[in-house]
Amino acid sequence: MDYLVIEGYKSAAEEFSQEASLSAPVDFESIESRMDIREALQRGDVEDAITRINDLNPEVSSLHFLIAIWRRDGERIKTFHAPLSSSLF
């Protein structure tokens, strides 16, 4: 069940839950929202991910600060690696 929920297989998780007479580990409606957040992060759209996180769970807005730090550090890493990768080829 956890795999289905984590990977975003909403309908499969709902069916499995019903057939196995299990209580839902999460609200199935939130699975789609969570997958949208994951996709936004994977494509590098951190601002969209933050907006979606705040829409889903406003209490998580304190994570905005942590994400901003992560983003800043990511930019530093890109800046550091760019000259190195171009000089290798």
PDB file of N, CA and C in Angstrom:
ATOM      1  N   MET A   1       0.820  -1.187   0.000  1.00  0.00           N
ATOM      2  CA  MET A   1       0.000   0.000   0.000  1.00  0.00           C
ATOM      3  C   MET A   1       0.868   1.255   0.000  1.00  0.00           C
ATOM      4  N   ASP A   2       1.905   1.250   0.833  1.00  0.00           N
ATOM      5  CA  ASP A   2       2.785   2.427   0.897  1.00  0.00           C
ATOM      6  C   ASP A   2       3.391   2.733  -0.462  1.00  0.00           C
ATOM      7  N   TYR A   3       3.833   1.700  -1.169  1.00  0.00           N
ATOM      8  CA  TYR A   3       4.429   1.902  -2.490  1.00  0.00           C
ATOM      9  C   TYR A   3       3.441   2.586  -3.427  1.00  0.00           C
ATOM     10  N   LEU A   4       2.208   2.107  -3.442  1.00  0.00           N
ATOM     11  CA  LEU A   4       1.195   2.674  -4.331  1.00  0.00           C
ATOM     12  C   LEU A   4       0.942   4.141  -4.016  1.00  0.00           C
ATOM     13  N   VAL A   5       0.879   4.467  -2.741  1.00  0.00           N
ATOM     14  CA  VAL A   5       0.633   5.845  -2.325  1.00  0.00           C
ATOM     15  C   VAL A   5       1.832   6.727  -2.661  1.00  0.00           C
ATOM     16  N   ILE A   6       3.032   6.270  -2.309  1.00  0.00           N
ATOM     17  CA  ILE A   6       4.240   7.069  -2.534  1.00  0.00           C
ATOM     18  C   ILE A   6       4.486   7.320  -4.014  1.00  0.00           C
ATOM     19  N   GLU A   7       4.233   6.300  -4.827  1.00  0.00           N
ATOM     20  CA  GLU A   7       4.473   6.450  -6.264  1.00  0.00           C
ATOM     21  C   GLU A   7       3.328   7.122  -7.002  1.00  0.00           C
ATOM     22  N   GLY A   8       2.227   7.399  -6.289  1.00  0.00           N
ATOM     23  CA  GLY A   8       1.134   8.165  -6.889  1.00  0.00           C
ATOM     24  C   GLY A   8       0.090   7.358  -7.617  1.00  0.00           C
ATOM     25  N   TYR A   9       0.012   6.080  -7.362  1.00  0.00           N
ATOM     26  CA  TYR A   9      -0.993   5.235  -8.006  1.00  0.00           C
ATOM     27  C   TYR A   9      -2.292   5.289  -7.201  1.00  0.00           C
ATOM     28  N   LYS A  10      -3.001   6.379  -7.378  1.00  0.00           N
ATOM     29  CA  LYS A  10      -4.189   6.656  -6.572  1.00  0.00           C
ATOM     30  C   LYS A  10      -5.259   5.589  -6.739  1.00  0.00           C
ATOM     31  N   SER A  11      -5.650   5.295  -7.963  1.00  0.00           N
ATOM     32  CA  SER A  11      -6.745   4.341  -8.176  1.00  0.00           C
ATOM     33  C   SER A  11      -6.368   2.940  -7.691  1.00  0.00           C
ATOM     34  N   ALA A  12      -5.115   2.554  -7.918  1.00  0.00           N
ATOM     35  CA  ALA A  12      -4.668   1.233  -7.454  1.00  0.00           C
ATOM     36  C   ALA A  12      -4.662   1.173  -5.927  1.00  0.00           C
ATOM     37  N   ALA A  13      -4.252   2.254  -5.286  1.00  0.00           N
ATOM     38  CA  ALA A  13      -4.234   2.304  -3.823  1.00  0.00           C
ATOM     39  C   ALA A  13      -5.654   2.244  -3.267  1.00  0.00           C
ATOM     40  N   GLU A  14      -6.577   2.940  -3.917  1.00  0.00           N
ATOM     41  CA  GLU A  14      -7.975   2.903  -3.469  1.00  0.00           C
ATOM     42  C   GLU A  14      -8.557   1.499  -3.600  1.00  0.00           C
ATOM     43  N   GLU A  15      -8.320   0.862  -4.746  1.00  0.00           N
ATOM     44  CA  GLU A  15      -8.831  -0.500  -4.960  1.00  0.00           C
ATOM     45  C   GLU A  15      -8.224  -1.480  -3.969  1.00  0.00           C
ATOM     46  N   PHE A  16      -6.904  -1.400  -3.798  1.00  0.00           N
ATOM     47  CA  PHE A  16      -6.225  -2.292  -2.868  1.00  0.00           C
ATOM     48  C   PHE A  16      -6.767  -2.112  -1.457  1.00  0.00           C
ATOM     49  N   SER A  17      -6.979  -0.882  -1.062  1.00  0.00           N
ATOM     50  CA  SER A  17      -7.504  -0.571   0.266  1.00  0.00           C
ATOM     51  C   SER A  17      -8.889  -1.186   0.465  1.00  0.00           C
ATOM     52  N   GLN A  18      -9.730  -1.070  -0.543  1.00  0.00           N
ATOM     53  CA  GLN A  18     -11.081  -1.630  -0.448  1.00  0.00           C
ATOM     54  C   GLN A  18     -11.063  -3.150  -0.432  1.00  0.00           C
ATOM     55  N   GLU A  19     -10.295  -3.747  -1.354  1.00  0.00           N
ATOM     56  CA  GLU A  19     -10.263  -5.204  -1.459  1.00  0.00           C
ATOM     57  C   GLU A  19      -9.651  -5.865  -0.231  1.00  0.00           C
ATOM     58  N   ALA A  20      -8.658  -5.212   0.360  1.00  0.00           N
ATOM     59  CA  ALA A  20      -7.981  -5.781   1.524  1.00  0.00           C
ATOM     60  C   ALA A  20      -8.599  -5.313   2.844  1.00  0.00           C
ATOM     61  N   SER A  21      -9.652  -4.528   2.744  1.00  0.00           N
ATOM     62  CA  SER A  21     -10.324  -3.979   3.933  1.00  0.00           C
ATOM     63  C   SER A  21      -9.342  -3.252   4.854  1.00  0.00           C
ATOM     64  N   LEU A  22      -8.495  -2.439   4.236  1.00  0.00           N
ATOM     65  CA  LEU A  22      -7.518  -1.643   4.982  1.00  0.00           C
ATOM     66  C   LEU A  22      -8.000  -0.209   5.079  1.00  0.00           C
ATOM     67  N   SER A  23      -7.644   0.434   6.166  1.00  0.00           N
ATOM     68  CA  SER A  23      -7.935   1.863   6.255  1.00  0.00           C
ATOM     69  C   SER A  23      -6.871   2.609   5.450  1.00  0.00           C
ATOM     70  N   ALA A  24      -7.283   3.710   4.878  1.00  0.00           N
ATOM     71  CA  ALA A  24      -6.375   4.492   4.035  1.00  0.00           C
ATOM     72  C   ALA A  24      -5.283   5.138   4.877  1.00  0.00           C
ATOM     73  N   PRO A  25      -3.999   4.992   4.472  1.00  0.00           N
ATOM     74  CA  PRO A  25      -2.915   5.621   5.219  1.00  0.00           C
ATOM     75  C   PRO A  25      -2.880   7.136   5.051  1.00  0.00           C
ATOM     76  N   VAL A  26      -3.444   7.620   3.946  1.00  0.00           N
ATOM     77  CA  VAL A  26      -3.524   9.060   3.670  1.00  0.00           C
ATOM     78  C   VAL A  26      -4.850   9.340   2.982  1.00  0.00           C
ATOM     79  N   ASP A  27      -5.167  10.603   2.873  1.00  0.00           N
ATOM     80  CA  ASP A  27      -6.336  11.004   2.099  1.00  0.00           C
ATOM     81  C   ASP A  27      -5.997  10.787   0.627  1.00  0.00           C
ATOM     82  N   PHE A  28      -6.752   9.938  -0.037  1.00  0.00           N
ATOM     83  CA  PHE A  28      -6.453   9.611  -1.431  1.00  0.00           C
ATOM     84  C   PHE A  28      -6.523  10.833  -2.339  1.00  0.00           C
ATOM     85  N   GLU A  29      -7.321  11.816  -1.970  1.00  0.00           N
ATOM     86  CA  GLU A  29      -7.416  13.027  -2.777  1.00  0.00           C
ATOM     87  C   GLU A  29      -6.105  13.813  -2.777  1.00  0.00           C
ATOM     88  N   SER A  30      -5.310  13.651  -1.742  1.00  0.00           N
ATOM     89  CA  SER A  30      -4.047  14.399  -1.666  1.00  0.00           C
ATOM     90  C   SER A  30      -2.943  13.778  -2.529  1.00  0.00           C
ATOM     91  N   ILE A  31      -3.146  12.559  -2.995  1.00  0.00           N
ATOM     92  CA  ILE A  31      -2.108  11.887  -3.791  1.00  0.00           C
ATOM     93  C   ILE A  31      -1.803  12.671  -5.058  1.00  0.00           C
ATOM     94  N   GLU A  32      -2.831  13.126  -5.751  1.00  0.00           N
ATOM     95  CA  GLU A  32      -2.608  13.889  -6.984  1.00  0.00           C
ATOM     96  C   GLU A  32      -1.854  15.177  -6.711  1.00  0.00           C
ATOM     97  N   SER A  33      -2.217  15.846  -5.624  1.00  0.00           N
ATOM     98  CA  SER A  33      -1.525  17.085  -5.265  1.00  0.00           C
ATOM     99  C   SER A  33      -0.060  16.815  -4.966  1.00  0.00           C
ATOM    100  N   ARG A  34       0.198  15.736  -4.261  1.00  0.00           N
ATOM    101  CA  ARG A  34       1.582  15.376  -3.941  1.00  0.00           C
ATOM    102  C   ARG A  34       2.377  15.049  -5.196  1.00  0.00           C
ATOM    103  N   MET A  35       1.743  14.386  -6.151  1.00  0.00           N
ATOM    104  CA  MET A  35       2.433  14.064  -7.397  1.00  0.00           C
ATOM    105  C   MET A  35       2.713  15.328  -8.203  1.00  0.00           C
ATOM    106  N   ASP A  36       1.797  16.290  -8.176  1.00  0.00           N
ATOM    107  CA  ASP A  36       2.036  17.566  -8.861  1.00  0.00           C
ATOM    108  C   ASP A  36       3.236  18.283  -8.254  1.00  0.00           C
ATOM    109  N   ILE A  37       3.359  18.226  -6.928  1.00  0.00           N
ATOM    110  CA  ILE A  37       4.504  18.837  -6.242  1.00  0.00           C
ATOM    111  C   ILE A  37       5.787  18.141  -6.656  1.00  0.00           C
ATOM    112  N   ARG A  38       5.777  16.822  -6.670  1.00  0.00           N
ATOM    113  CA  ARG A  38       6.965  16.053  -7.059  1.00  0.00           C
ATOM    114  C   ARG A  38       7.385  16.390  -8.482  1.00  0.00           C
ATOM    115  N   GLU A  39       6.414  16.449  -9.400  1.00  0.00           N
ATOM    116  CA  GLU A  39       6.724  16.755 -10.794  1.00  0.00           C
ATOM    117  C   GLU A  39       7.299  18.166 -10.940  1.00  0.00           C
ATOM    118  N   ALA A  40       6.766  19.106 -10.188  1.00  0.00           N
ATOM    119  CA  ALA A  40       7.286  20.480 -10.237  1.00  0.00           C
ATOM    120  C   ALA A  40       8.741  20.508  -9.781  1.00  0.00           C
ATOM    121  N   LEU A  41       9.056  19.784  -8.708  1.00  0.00           N
ATOM    122  CA  LEU A  41      10.445  19.747  -8.223  1.00  0.00           C
ATOM    123  C   LEU A  41      11.358  19.045  -9.221  1.00  0.00           C
ATOM    124  N   GLN A  42      10.874  17.979  -9.831  1.00  0.00           N
ATOM    125  CA  GLN A  42      11.704  17.243 -10.784  1.00  0.00           C
ATOM    126  C   GLN A  42      12.018  18.063 -12.026  1.00  0.00           C
ATOM    127  N   ARG A  43      11.106  18.935 -12.418  1.00  0.00           N
ATOM    128  CA  ARG A  43      11.393  19.771 -13.593  1.00  0.00           C
ATOM    129  C   ARG A  43      12.103  21.063 -13.209  1.00  0.00           C
ATOM    130  N   GLY A  44      12.369  21.236 -11.889  1.00  0.00           N
ATOM    131  CA  GLY A  44      13.134  22.380 -11.427  1.00  0.00           C
ATOM    132  C   GLY A  44      12.314  23.621 -11.136  1.00  0.00           C
ATOM    133  N   ASP A  45      11.007  23.491 -11.140  1.00  0.00           N
ATOM    134  CA  ASP A  45      10.129  24.628 -10.888  1.00  0.00           C
ATOM    135  C   ASP A  45       9.814  24.703  -9.393  1.00  0.00           C
ATOM    136  N   VAL A  46      10.773  25.201  -8.630  1.00  0.00           N
ATOM    137  CA  VAL A  46      10.668  25.234  -7.173  1.00  0.00           C
ATOM    138  C   VAL A  46       9.563  26.184  -6.724  1.00  0.00           C
ATOM    139  N   GLU A  47       9.412  27.315  -7.405  1.00  0.00           N
ATOM    140  CA  GLU A  47       8.364  28.273  -7.026  1.00  0.00           C
ATOM    141  C   GLU A  47       6.975  27.640  -7.132  1.00  0.00           C
ATOM    142  N   ASP A  48       6.737  26.902  -8.213  1.00  0.00           N
ATOM    143  CA  ASP A  48       5.448  26.219  -8.375  1.00  0.00           C
ATOM    144  C   ASP A  48       5.260  25.174  -7.279  1.00  0.00           C
ATOM    145  N   ALA A  49       6.317  24.450  -6.961  1.00  0.00           N
ATOM    146  CA  ALA A  49       6.240  23.444  -5.896  1.00  0.00           C
ATOM    147  C   ALA A  49       5.902  24.099  -4.562  1.00  0.00           C
ATOM    148  N   ILE A  50       6.529  25.222  -4.253  1.00  0.00           N
ATOM    149  CA  ILE A  50       6.259  25.929  -2.996  1.00  0.00           C
ATOM    150  C   ILE A  50       4.799  26.382  -2.951  1.00  0.00           C
ATOM    151  N   THR A  51       4.315  26.921  -4.045  1.00  0.00           N
ATOM    152  CA  THR A  51       2.922  27.362  -4.101  1.00  0.00           C
ATOM    153  C   THR A  51       1.978  26.190  -3.866  1.00  0.00           C
ATOM    154  N   ARG A  52       2.268  25.066  -4.512  1.00  0.00           N
ATOM    155  CA  ARG A  52       1.411  23.878  -4.357  1.00  0.00           C
ATOM    156  C   ARG A  52       1.486  23.315  -2.936  1.00  0.00           C
ATOM    157  N   ILE A  53       2.664  23.356  -2.338  1.00  0.00           N
ATOM    158  CA  ILE A  53       2.807  22.889  -0.953  1.00  0.00           C
ATOM    159  C   ILE A  53       1.987  23.768  -0.023  1.00  0.00           C
ATOM    160  N   ASN A  54       2.087  25.066  -0.203  1.00  0.00           N
ATOM    161  CA  ASN A  54       1.327  25.992   0.644  1.00  0.00           C
ATOM    162  C   ASN A  54      -0.175  25.829   0.447  1.00  0.00           C
ATOM    163  N   ASP A  55      -0.606  25.526  -0.783  1.00  0.00           N
ATOM    164  CA  ASP A  55      -2.024  25.290  -1.034  1.00  0.00           C
ATOM    165  C   ASP A  55      -2.491  24.010  -0.347  1.00  0.00           C
ATOM    166  N   LEU A  56      -1.659  22.985  -0.381  1.00  0.00           N
ATOM    167  CA  LEU A  56      -2.019  21.692   0.210  1.00  0.00           C
ATOM    168  C   LEU A  56      -1.982  21.738   1.725  1.00  0.00           C
ATOM    169  N   ASN A  57      -0.961  22.396   2.269  1.00  0.00           N
ATOM    170  CA  ASN A  57      -0.769  22.403   3.715  1.00  0.00           C
ATOM    171  C   ASN A  57      -0.093  23.711   4.125  1.00  0.00           C
ATOM    172  N   PRO A  58      -0.866  24.732   4.458  1.00  0.00           N
ATOM    173  CA  PRO A  58      -0.299  26.042   4.791  1.00  0.00           C
ATOM    174  C   PRO A  58       0.684  26.023   5.961  1.00  0.00           C
ATOM    175  N   GLU A  59       0.558  25.047   6.858  1.00  0.00           N
ATOM    176  CA  GLU A  59       1.469  24.984   8.001  1.00  0.00           C
ATOM    177  C   GLU A  59       2.907  24.676   7.578  1.00  0.00           C
ATOM    178  N   VAL A  60       3.074  24.203   6.372  1.00  0.00           N
ATOM    179  CA  VAL A  60       4.395  23.819   5.900  1.00  0.00           C
ATOM    180  C   VAL A  60       5.164  25.025   5.372  1.00  0.00           C
ATOM    181  N   SER A  61       4.580  26.199   5.408  1.00  0.00           N
ATOM    182  CA  SER A  61       5.235  27.371   4.830  1.00  0.00           C
ATOM    183  C   SER A  61       6.585  27.670   5.473  1.00  0.00           C
ATOM    184  N   SER A  62       6.836  27.140   6.659  1.00  0.00           N
ATOM    185  CA  SER A  62       8.156  27.328   7.264  1.00  0.00           C
ATOM    186  C   SER A  62       9.231  26.610   6.456  1.00  0.00           C
ATOM    187  N   LEU A  63       8.817  25.631   5.651  1.00  0.00           N
ATOM    188  CA  LEU A  63       9.774  24.949   4.780  1.00  0.00           C
ATOM    189  C   LEU A  63      10.254  25.853   3.657  1.00  0.00           C
ATOM    190  N   HIS A  64       9.515  26.921   3.406  1.00  0.00           N
ATOM    191  CA  HIS A  64       9.914  27.859   2.351  1.00  0.00           C
ATOM    192  C   HIS A  64      11.348  28.343   2.578  1.00  0.00           C
ATOM    193  N   PHE A  65      11.666  28.625   3.815  1.00  0.00           N
ATOM    194  CA  PHE A  65      13.009  29.072   4.168  1.00  0.00           C
ATOM    195  C   PHE A  65      14.042  28.000   3.826  1.00  0.00           C
ATOM    196  N   LEU A  66      13.766  26.752   4.186  1.00  0.00           N
ATOM    197  CA  LEU A  66      14.700  25.659   3.898  1.00  0.00           C
ATOM    198  C   LEU A  66      14.857  25.432   2.400  1.00  0.00           C
ATOM    199  N   ILE A  67      13.755  25.525   1.683  1.00  0.00           N
ATOM    200  CA  ILE A  67      13.819  25.345   0.230  1.00  0.00           C
ATOM    201  C   ILE A  67      14.615  26.474  -0.412  1.00  0.00           C
ATOM    202  N   ALA A  68      14.470  27.685   0.100  1.00  0.00           N
ATOM    203  CA  ALA A  68      15.231  28.820  -0.430  1.00  0.00           C
ATOM    204  C   ALA A  68      16.727  28.587  -0.238  1.00  0.00           C
ATOM    205  N   ILE A  69      17.110  28.057   0.911  1.00  0.00           N
ATOM    206  CA  ILE A  69      18.522  27.756   1.157  1.00  0.00           C
ATOM    207  C   ILE A  69      18.995  26.670   0.206  1.00  0.00           C
ATOM    208  N   TRP A  70      18.185  25.621   0.039  1.00  0.00           N
ATOM    209  CA  TRP A  70      18.544  24.526  -0.870  1.00  0.00           C
ATOM    210  C   TRP A  70      18.719  25.052  -2.288  1.00  0.00           C
ATOM    211  N   ARG A  71      17.816  25.940  -2.694  1.00  0.00           N
ATOM    212  CA  ARG A  71      17.892  26.516  -4.032  1.00  0.00           C
ATOM    213  C   ARG A  71      19.151  27.362  -4.210  1.00  0.00           C
ATOM    214  N   ARG A  72      19.469  28.168  -3.205  1.00  0.00           N
ATOM    215  CA  ARG A  72      20.654  29.010  -3.252  1.00  0.00           C
ATOM    216  C   ARG A  72      21.906  28.146  -3.362  1.00  0.00           C
ATOM    217  N   ASP A  73      21.964  27.104  -2.557  1.00  0.00           N
ATOM    218  CA  ASP A  73      23.115  26.208  -2.605  1.00  0.00           C
ATOM    219  C   ASP A  73      23.206  25.499  -3.947  1.00  0.00           C
ATOM    220  N   GLY A  74      22.064  25.146  -4.525  1.00  0.00           N
ATOM    221  CA  GLY A  74      22.055  24.515  -5.846  1.00  0.00           C
ATOM    222  C   GLY A  74      22.620  25.430  -6.908  1.00  0.00           C
ATOM    223  N   GLU A  75      22.290  26.711  -6.822  1.00  0.00           N
ATOM    224  CA  GLU A  75      22.826  27.684  -7.773  1.00  0.00           C
ATOM    225  C   GLU A  75      24.338  27.826  -7.598  1.00  0.00           C
ATOM    226  N   ARG A  76      24.802  27.789  -6.369  1.00  0.00           N
ATOM    227  CA  ARG A  76      26.245  27.859  -6.118  1.00  0.00           C
ATOM    228  C   ARG A  76      26.958  26.656  -6.727  1.00  0.00           C
ATOM    229  N   ILE A  77      26.362  25.499  -6.592  1.00  0.00           N
ATOM    230  CA  ILE A  77      26.975  24.285  -7.149  1.00  0.00           C
ATOM    231  C   ILE A  77      27.029  24.373  -8.663  1.00  0.00           C
ATOM    232  N   LYS A  78      25.948  24.847  -9.297  1.00  0.00           N
ATOM    233  CA  LYS A  78      25.933  25.008 -10.747  1.00  0.00           C
ATOM    234  C   LYS A  78      27.026  25.975 -11.183  1.00  0.00           C
ATOM    235  N   THR A  79      27.166  27.080 -10.473  1.00  0.00           N
ATOM    236  CA  THR A  79      28.175  28.086 -10.804  1.00  0.00           C
ATOM    237  C   THR A  79      29.578  27.506 -10.673  1.00  0.00           C
ATOM    238  N   PHE A  80      29.782  26.687  -9.657  1.00  0.00           N
ATOM    239  CA  PHE A  80      31.083  26.084  -9.428  1.00  0.00           C
ATOM    240  C   PHE A  80      31.419  25.053 -10.492  1.00  0.00           C
ATOM    241  N   HIS A  81      30.439  24.230 -10.893  1.00  0.00           N
ATOM    242  CA  HIS A  81      30.689  23.153 -11.840  1.00  0.00           C
ATOM    243  C   HIS A  81      30.758  23.603 -13.291  1.00  0.00           C
ATOM    244  N   ALA A  82      30.109  24.700 -13.641  1.00  0.00           N
ATOM    245  CA  ALA A  82      30.080  25.144 -15.036  1.00  0.00           C
ATOM    246  C   ALA A  82      31.469  25.365 -15.619  1.00  0.00           C
ATOM    247  N   PRO A  83      32.368  26.121 -14.960  1.00  0.00           N
ATOM    248  CA  PRO A  83      33.708  26.317 -15.537  1.00  0.00           C
ATOM    249  C   PRO A  83      34.497  25.017 -15.587  1.00  0.00           C
ATOM    250  N   LEU A  84      34.299  24.156 -14.620  1.00  0.00           N
ATOM    251  CA  LEU A  84      35.031  22.885 -14.590  1.00  0.00           C
ATOM    252  C   LEU A  84      34.631  21.984 -15.741  1.00  0.00           C
ATOM    253  N   SER A  85      33.337  21.867 -15.988  1.00  0.00           N
ATOM    254  CA  SER A  85      32.883  20.952 -17.038  1.00  0.00           C
ATOM    255  C   SER A  85      33.274  21.472 -18.422  1.00  0.00           C
ATOM    256  N   SER A  86      33.279  22.781 -18.630  1.00  0.00           N
ATOM    257  CA  SER A  86      33.650  23.306 -19.940  1.00  0.00           C
ATOM    258  C   SER A  86      35.155  23.207 -20.180  1.00  0.00           C
ATOM    259  N   SER A  87      35.951  23.218 -19.120  1.00  0.00           N
ATOM    260  CA  SER A  87      37.401  23.136 -19.310  1.00  0.00           C
ATOM    261  C   SER A  87      37.856  21.693 -19.520  1.00  0.00           C
ATOM    262  N   LEU A  88      37.007  20.735 -19.183  1.00  0.00           N
ATOM    263  CA  LEU A  88      37.389  19.331 -19.350  1.00  0.00           C
ATOM    264  C   LEU A  88      37.260  18.867 -20.795  1.00  0.00           C
ATOM    265  N   PHE A  89      36.465  19.557 -21.596  1.00  0.00           N
ATOM    266  CA  PHE A  89      36.241  19.096 -22.960  1.00  0.00           C
ATOM    267  C   PHE A  89      36.790  20.056 -23.917  1.00  0.00           C
TER     268      PHE A  89
END
